[in-house]
Amino acid sequence: MIKKAYPPGMHGKNFGRGLSEYGKQLAMKQKIKRIYGIMEKQFKKHFDEIKNKEGVTGDLLMERLEMRMDNVVYRMGFASSRALARQLVGHGVFEVNGRKVNIPSCKIKTSDLISVRGNKKNKNYFKNRSQILKNKKDFPAWISFDAKKLEGKVLSSPSMEKTEVGVNPQLVVEYYSR
């Protein structure tokens, strides 16, 4: 059998046109929403909050998404996925500056201290996770983490270079500015 470079059928050779600009922008928006586990209404709300701020709008959007409670918990290594981090936060496992937080979309500020609540540290999940966290060395530069105390501190705002998500948020800005 010979593998051809185009799909089968009568329109197969005309297939290579690719996506339009709008299609690329929409695909990038959907990709970012899927990565962070956010629905359309909430994503649009995040965008509306940062669109009139000073600075590069795409970078501000990514910074806003990175500073959500569920994402910070994921970046600290408490969870293996953002979905699990969202679930842990929703169950009230963490506290920010000594106060219980159970809202995954809660905005974390610079110098906030995120830790596992006292009575939750003895659970099997965190006993197993602490073994993994002791060996983990690749924390983001904007987070300091103490594996013995199971707590981390946000040192600064994440910049676009530090996020390593691999998306182009400028396409999302262009999508919403039509």
C-alpha atoms as a PDB file:
ATOM      1  CA  MET A   1       0.000   0.000   0.000  1.00  0.00           C
ATOM      2  CA  ILE A   2       1.136   3.499  -0.775  1.00  0.00           C
ATOM      3  CA  LYS A   3       0.590   6.214   1.827  1.00  0.00           C
ATOM      4  CA  LYS A   4      -0.427   9.471   0.176  1.00  0.00           C
ATOM      5  CA  ALA A   5       0.237  12.904   1.665  1.00  0.00           C
ATOM      6  CA  TYR A   6      -3.409  13.902   1.530  1.00  0.00           C
ATOM      7  CA  PRO A   7      -6.700  12.469   2.821  1.00  0.00           C
ATOM      8  CA  PRO A   8      -8.761  10.111   0.662  1.00  0.00           C
ATOM      9  CA  GLY A   9     -11.738  11.248  -1.355  1.00  0.00           C
ATOM     10  CA  MET A  10     -12.498  13.659  -4.128  1.00  0.00           C
ATOM     11  CA  HIS A  11     -11.638  16.749  -2.034  1.00  0.00           C
ATOM     12  CA  GLY A  12      -8.513  15.277  -0.468  1.00  0.00           C
ATOM     13  CA  LYS A  13      -5.976  17.255  -2.493  1.00  0.00           C
ATOM     14  CA  ASN A  14      -7.675  20.536  -1.602  1.00  0.00           C
ATOM     15  CA  PHE A  15      -7.490  19.715   2.116  1.00  0.00           C
ATOM     16  CA  GLY A  16      -4.186  21.489   2.884  1.00  0.00           C
ATOM     17  CA  ARG A  17      -5.588  24.983   3.188  1.00  0.00           C
ATOM     18  CA  GLY A  18      -5.365  25.055   6.985  1.00  0.00           C
ATOM     19  CA  LEU A  19      -7.238  27.161   9.484  1.00  0.00           C
ATOM     20  CA  SER A  20      -8.295  30.768   9.051  1.00  0.00           C
ATOM     21  CA  GLU A  21      -7.008  33.449  11.440  1.00  0.00           C
ATOM     22  CA  TYR A  22     -10.262  33.242  13.368  1.00  0.00           C
ATOM     23  CA  GLY A  23      -9.905  29.449  13.574  1.00  0.00           C
ATOM     24  CA  LYS A  24      -6.382  29.742  14.981  1.00  0.00           C
ATOM     25  CA  GLN A  25      -7.504  32.290  17.565  1.00  0.00           C
ATOM     26  CA  LEU A  26     -10.473  30.165  18.617  1.00  0.00           C
ATOM     27  CA  ALA A  27      -8.317  27.036  18.840  1.00  0.00           C
ATOM     28  CA  MET A  28      -5.789  28.827  21.073  1.00  0.00           C
ATOM     29  CA  LYS A  29      -8.554  30.113  23.363  1.00  0.00           C
ATOM     30  CA  GLN A  30     -10.010  26.613  23.654  1.00  0.00           C
ATOM     31  CA  LYS A  31      -6.560  25.153  24.360  1.00  0.00           C
ATOM     32  CA  ILE A  32      -5.889  27.601  27.201  1.00  0.00           C
ATOM     33  CA  LYS A  33      -9.357  26.971  28.651  1.00  0.00           C
ATOM     34  CA  ARG A  34      -8.747  23.216  28.571  1.00  0.00           C
ATOM     35  CA  ILE A  35      -5.296  23.496  30.145  1.00  0.00           C
ATOM     36  CA  TYR A  36      -6.573  25.511  33.100  1.00  0.00           C
ATOM     37  CA  GLY A  37      -9.956  23.743  33.349  1.00  0.00           C
ATOM     38  CA  ILE A  38     -12.027  26.908  33.029  1.00  0.00           C
ATOM     39  CA  MET A  39     -15.436  27.349  31.435  1.00  0.00           C
ATOM     40  CA  GLU A  40     -16.166  30.090  28.892  1.00  0.00           C
ATOM     41  CA  LYS A  41     -17.962  32.498  31.231  1.00  0.00           C
ATOM     42  CA  GLN A  42     -15.191  32.402  33.824  1.00  0.00           C
ATOM     43  CA  PHE A  43     -12.480  32.739  31.169  1.00  0.00           C
ATOM     44  CA  LYS A  44     -14.208  35.790  29.684  1.00  0.00           C
ATOM     45  CA  LYS A  45     -14.472  37.267  33.193  1.00  0.00           C
ATOM     46  CA  HIS A  46     -10.715  36.862  33.705  1.00  0.00           C
ATOM     47  CA  PHE A  47     -10.095  38.531  30.353  1.00  0.00           C
ATOM     48  CA  ASP A  48     -12.458  41.433  31.117  1.00  0.00           C
ATOM     49  CA  GLU A  49     -10.667  42.078  34.422  1.00  0.00           C
ATOM     50  CA  ILE A  50      -7.264  42.485  32.799  1.00  0.00           C
ATOM     51  CA  LYS A  51      -8.043  43.974  29.381  1.00  0.00           C
ATOM     52  CA  ASN A  52      -7.883  47.615  30.544  1.00  0.00           C
ATOM     53  CA  LYS A  53      -4.819  47.210  32.752  1.00  0.00           C
ATOM     54  CA  GLU A  54      -1.475  48.587  31.750  1.00  0.00           C
ATOM     55  CA  GLY A  55       0.926  46.091  30.190  1.00  0.00           C
ATOM     56  CA  VAL A  56       0.832  43.317  27.614  1.00  0.00           C
ATOM     57  CA  THR A  57      -2.701  41.953  27.799  1.00  0.00           C
ATOM     58  CA  GLY A  58      -1.755  38.393  26.832  1.00  0.00           C
ATOM     59  CA  ASP A  59       0.915  38.196  29.517  1.00  0.00           C
ATOM     60  CA  LEU A  60      -1.465  39.663  32.099  1.00  0.00           C
ATOM     61  CA  LEU A  61      -4.057  37.018  31.189  1.00  0.00           C
ATOM     62  CA  MET A  62      -1.563  34.185  31.666  1.00  0.00           C
ATOM     63  CA  GLU A  63      -0.367  35.723  34.937  1.00  0.00           C
ATOM     64  CA  ARG A  64      -3.987  35.915  36.142  1.00  0.00           C
ATOM     65  CA  LEU A  65      -4.597  32.259  35.264  1.00  0.00           C
ATOM     66  CA  GLU A  66      -1.340  31.142  36.884  1.00  0.00           C
ATOM     67  CA  MET A  67      -2.203  32.935  40.145  1.00  0.00           C
ATOM     68  CA  ARG A  68      -5.463  31.020  40.670  1.00  0.00           C
ATOM     69  CA  MET A  69      -5.480  28.887  43.827  1.00  0.00           C
ATOM     70  CA  ASP A  70      -5.914  25.581  41.999  1.00  0.00           C
ATOM     71  CA  ASN A  71      -3.022  26.313  39.638  1.00  0.00           C
ATOM     72  CA  VAL A  72      -0.680  27.405  42.446  1.00  0.00           C
ATOM     73  CA  VAL A  73      -1.467  24.169  44.315  1.00  0.00           C
ATOM     74  CA  TYR A  74      -0.674  22.238  41.116  1.00  0.00           C
ATOM     75  CA  ARG A  75       2.584  24.169  40.577  1.00  0.00           C
ATOM     76  CA  MET A  76       3.661  23.428  44.158  1.00  0.00           C
ATOM     77  CA  GLY A  77       3.306  19.719  43.459  1.00  0.00           C
ATOM     78  CA  PHE A  78       0.484  18.928  45.870  1.00  0.00           C
ATOM     79  CA  ALA A  79      -1.475  17.437  42.958  1.00  0.00           C
ATOM     80  CA  SER A  80      -0.487  15.587  39.808  1.00  0.00           C
ATOM     81  CA  SER A  81      -3.022  17.484  37.665  1.00  0.00           C
ATOM     82  CA  ARG A  82      -4.922  20.748  37.753  1.00  0.00           C
ATOM     83  CA  ALA A  83      -8.207  18.841  38.036  1.00  0.00           C
ATOM     84  CA  LEU A  84      -6.986  17.070  41.173  1.00  0.00           C
ATOM     85  CA  ALA A  85      -5.690  20.363  42.561  1.00  0.00           C
ATOM     86  CA  ARG A  86      -9.115  21.889  41.958  1.00  0.00           C
ATOM     87  CA  GLN A  87     -10.755  19.013  43.821  1.00  0.00           C
ATOM     88  CA  LEU A  88      -8.357  19.267  46.776  1.00  0.00           C
ATOM     89  CA  VAL A  89      -8.952  23.018  47.072  1.00  0.00           C
ATOM     90  CA  GLY A  90     -12.711  22.489  46.798  1.00  0.00           C
ATOM     91  CA  HIS A  91     -12.609  20.051  49.708  1.00  0.00           C
ATOM     92  CA  GLY A  92     -10.965  22.676  51.924  1.00  0.00           C
ATOM     93  CA  VAL A  93      -7.605  20.951  52.314  1.00  0.00           C
ATOM     94  CA  PHE A  94      -5.512  24.145  52.062  1.00  0.00           C
ATOM     95  CA  GLU A  95      -5.239  27.426  53.849  1.00  0.00           C
ATOM     96  CA  VAL A  96      -3.860  30.740  52.656  1.00  0.00           C
ATOM     97  CA  ASN A  97      -2.160  32.840  55.331  1.00  0.00           C
ATOM     98  CA  GLY A  98      -3.783  30.700  58.032  1.00  0.00           C
ATOM     99  CA  ARG A  99      -7.345  30.917  56.665  1.00  0.00           C
ATOM    100  CA  LYS A 100      -9.194  27.979  55.110  1.00  0.00           C
ATOM    101  CA  VAL A 101      -9.823  28.386  51.377  1.00  0.00           C
ATOM    102  CA  ASN A 102     -12.181  26.176  49.390  1.00  0.00           C
ATOM    103  CA  ILE A 103     -12.617  28.279  46.242  1.00  0.00           C
ATOM    104  CA  PRO A 104     -10.383  27.046  43.379  1.00  0.00           C
ATOM    105  CA  SER A 105     -10.600  30.336  41.479  1.00  0.00           C
ATOM    106  CA  CYS A 106      -9.400  32.367  44.481  1.00  0.00           C
ATOM    107  CA  LYS A 107      -6.727  34.845  43.396  1.00  0.00           C
ATOM    108  CA  ILE A 108      -3.406  34.384  45.159  1.00  0.00           C
ATOM    109  CA  LYS A 109      -1.268  37.454  45.765  1.00  0.00           C
ATOM    110  CA  THR A 110       2.475  37.848  46.078  1.00  0.00           C
ATOM    111  CA  SER A 111       3.824  36.846  49.516  1.00  0.00           C
ATOM    112  CA  ASP A 112       0.805  34.615  50.284  1.00  0.00           C
ATOM    113  CA  LEU A 113       1.627  31.461  52.252  1.00  0.00           C
ATOM    114  CA  ILE A 114      -0.230  28.342  51.074  1.00  0.00           C
ATOM    115  CA  SER A 115      -0.153  25.324  53.369  1.00  0.00           C
ATOM    116  CA  VAL A 116      -1.969  22.074  54.064  1.00  0.00           C
ATOM    117  CA  ARG A 117      -4.377  22.424  56.980  1.00  0.00           C
ATOM    118  CA  GLY A 118      -3.133  20.882  60.217  1.00  0.00           C
ATOM    119  CA  ASN A 119      -5.566  17.995  60.464  1.00  0.00           C
ATOM    120  CA  LYS A 120      -5.088  17.033  56.782  1.00  0.00           C
ATOM    121  CA  LYS A 121      -1.295  16.567  56.971  1.00  0.00           C
ATOM    122  CA  ASN A 122      -1.732  13.143  58.599  1.00  0.00           C
ATOM    123  CA  LYS A 123      -3.837  11.745  55.765  1.00  0.00           C
ATOM    124  CA  ASN A 124      -2.289   8.995  53.621  1.00  0.00           C
ATOM    125  CA  TYR A 125      -2.435  11.158  50.503  1.00  0.00           C
ATOM    126  CA  PHE A 126      -0.143  13.806  51.975  1.00  0.00           C
ATOM    127  CA  LYS A 127       2.151  11.244  53.610  1.00  0.00           C
ATOM    128  CA  ASN A 128       2.706   9.698  50.170  1.00  0.00           C
ATOM    129  CA  ARG A 129       2.859  13.079  48.459  1.00  0.00           C
ATOM    130  CA  SER A 130       5.467  14.421  50.893  1.00  0.00           C
ATOM    131  CA  GLN A 131       7.824  11.604  49.834  1.00  0.00           C
ATOM    132  CA  ILE A 132       7.419  12.691  46.214  1.00  0.00           C
ATOM    133  CA  LEU A 133       7.817  16.376  47.078  1.00  0.00           C
ATOM    134  CA  LYS A 134      11.085  15.801  48.958  1.00  0.00           C
ATOM    135  CA  ASN A 135      12.649  14.586  45.701  1.00  0.00           C
ATOM    136  CA  LYS A 136      11.075  17.247  43.483  1.00  0.00           C
ATOM    137  CA  LYS A 137      13.528  19.960  42.471  1.00  0.00           C
ATOM    138  CA  ASP A 138      11.875  21.699  39.498  1.00  0.00           C
ATOM    139  CA  PHE A 139       9.641  24.226  41.241  1.00  0.00           C
ATOM    140  CA  PRO A 140       8.822  27.428  39.349  1.00  0.00           C
ATOM    141  CA  ALA A 141      11.132  30.340  40.170  1.00  0.00           C
ATOM    142  CA  TRP A 142       8.211  32.390  41.526  1.00  0.00           C
ATOM    143  CA  ILE A 143       7.406  29.829  44.267  1.00  0.00           C
ATOM    144  CA  SER A 144       9.427  28.800  47.317  1.00  0.00           C
ATOM    145  CA  PHE A 145       8.447  25.484  48.848  1.00  0.00           C
ATOM    146  CA  ASP A 146       9.181  23.719  52.132  1.00  0.00           C
ATOM    147  CA  ALA A 147       8.508  19.973  51.787  1.00  0.00           C
ATOM    148  CA  LYS A 148       8.833  19.267  55.530  1.00  0.00           C
ATOM    149  CA  LYS A 149       6.143  21.762  56.532  1.00  0.00           C
ATOM    150  CA  LEU A 150       4.058  21.134  53.376  1.00  0.00           C
ATOM    151  CA  GLU A 151       3.806  24.828  52.648  1.00  0.00           C
ATOM    152  CA  GLY A 152       4.864  27.203  49.929  1.00  0.00           C
ATOM    153  CA  LYS A 153       5.105  30.923  49.431  1.00  0.00           C
ATOM    154  CA  VAL A 154       4.461  32.926  46.282  1.00  0.00           C
ATOM    155  CA  LEU A 155       7.553  35.087  45.855  1.00  0.00           C
ATOM    156  CA  SER A 156       6.546  37.083  42.781  1.00  0.00           C
ATOM    157  CA  SER A 157       4.137  37.202  39.880  1.00  0.00           C
ATOM    158  CA  PRO A 158       4.869  34.622  37.199  1.00  0.00           C
ATOM    159  CA  SER A 159       6.091  36.056  33.926  1.00  0.00           C
ATOM    160  CA  MET A 160       5.289  34.575  30.529  1.00  0.00           C
ATOM    161  CA  GLU A 161       8.800  33.058  30.308  1.00  0.00           C
ATOM    162  CA  LYS A 162       8.335  31.285  33.647  1.00  0.00           C
ATOM    163  CA  THR A 163       4.990  29.630  32.847  1.00  0.00           C
ATOM    164  CA  GLU A 164       6.211  27.009  30.324  1.00  0.00           C
ATOM    165  CA  VAL A 165       2.654  26.273  29.185  1.00  0.00           C
ATOM    166  CA  GLY A 166       3.454  26.599  25.461  1.00  0.00           C
ATOM    167  CA  VAL A 167       0.581  28.800  24.293  1.00  0.00           C
ATOM    168  CA  ASN A 168       0.290  32.145  22.536  1.00  0.00           C
ATOM    169  CA  PRO A 169      -2.102  34.305  24.597  1.00  0.00           C
ATOM    170  CA  GLN A 170      -1.868  37.134  22.067  1.00  0.00           C
ATOM    171  CA  LEU A 171      -4.176  35.123  19.789  1.00  0.00           C
ATOM    172  CA  VAL A 172      -6.786  35.129  22.575  1.00  0.00           C
ATOM    173  CA  VAL A 173      -6.470  38.907  22.880  1.00  0.00           C
ATOM    174  CA  GLU A 174      -7.035  39.213  19.134  1.00  0.00           C
ATOM    175  CA  TYR A 175     -10.003  36.840  19.372  1.00  0.00           C
ATOM    176  CA  TYR A 176     -11.744  38.949  22.038  1.00  0.00           C
ATOM    177  CA  SER A 177     -10.928  42.267  20.353  1.00  0.00           C
ATOM    178  CA  ARG A 178     -12.868  41.526  17.147  1.00  0.00           C
END
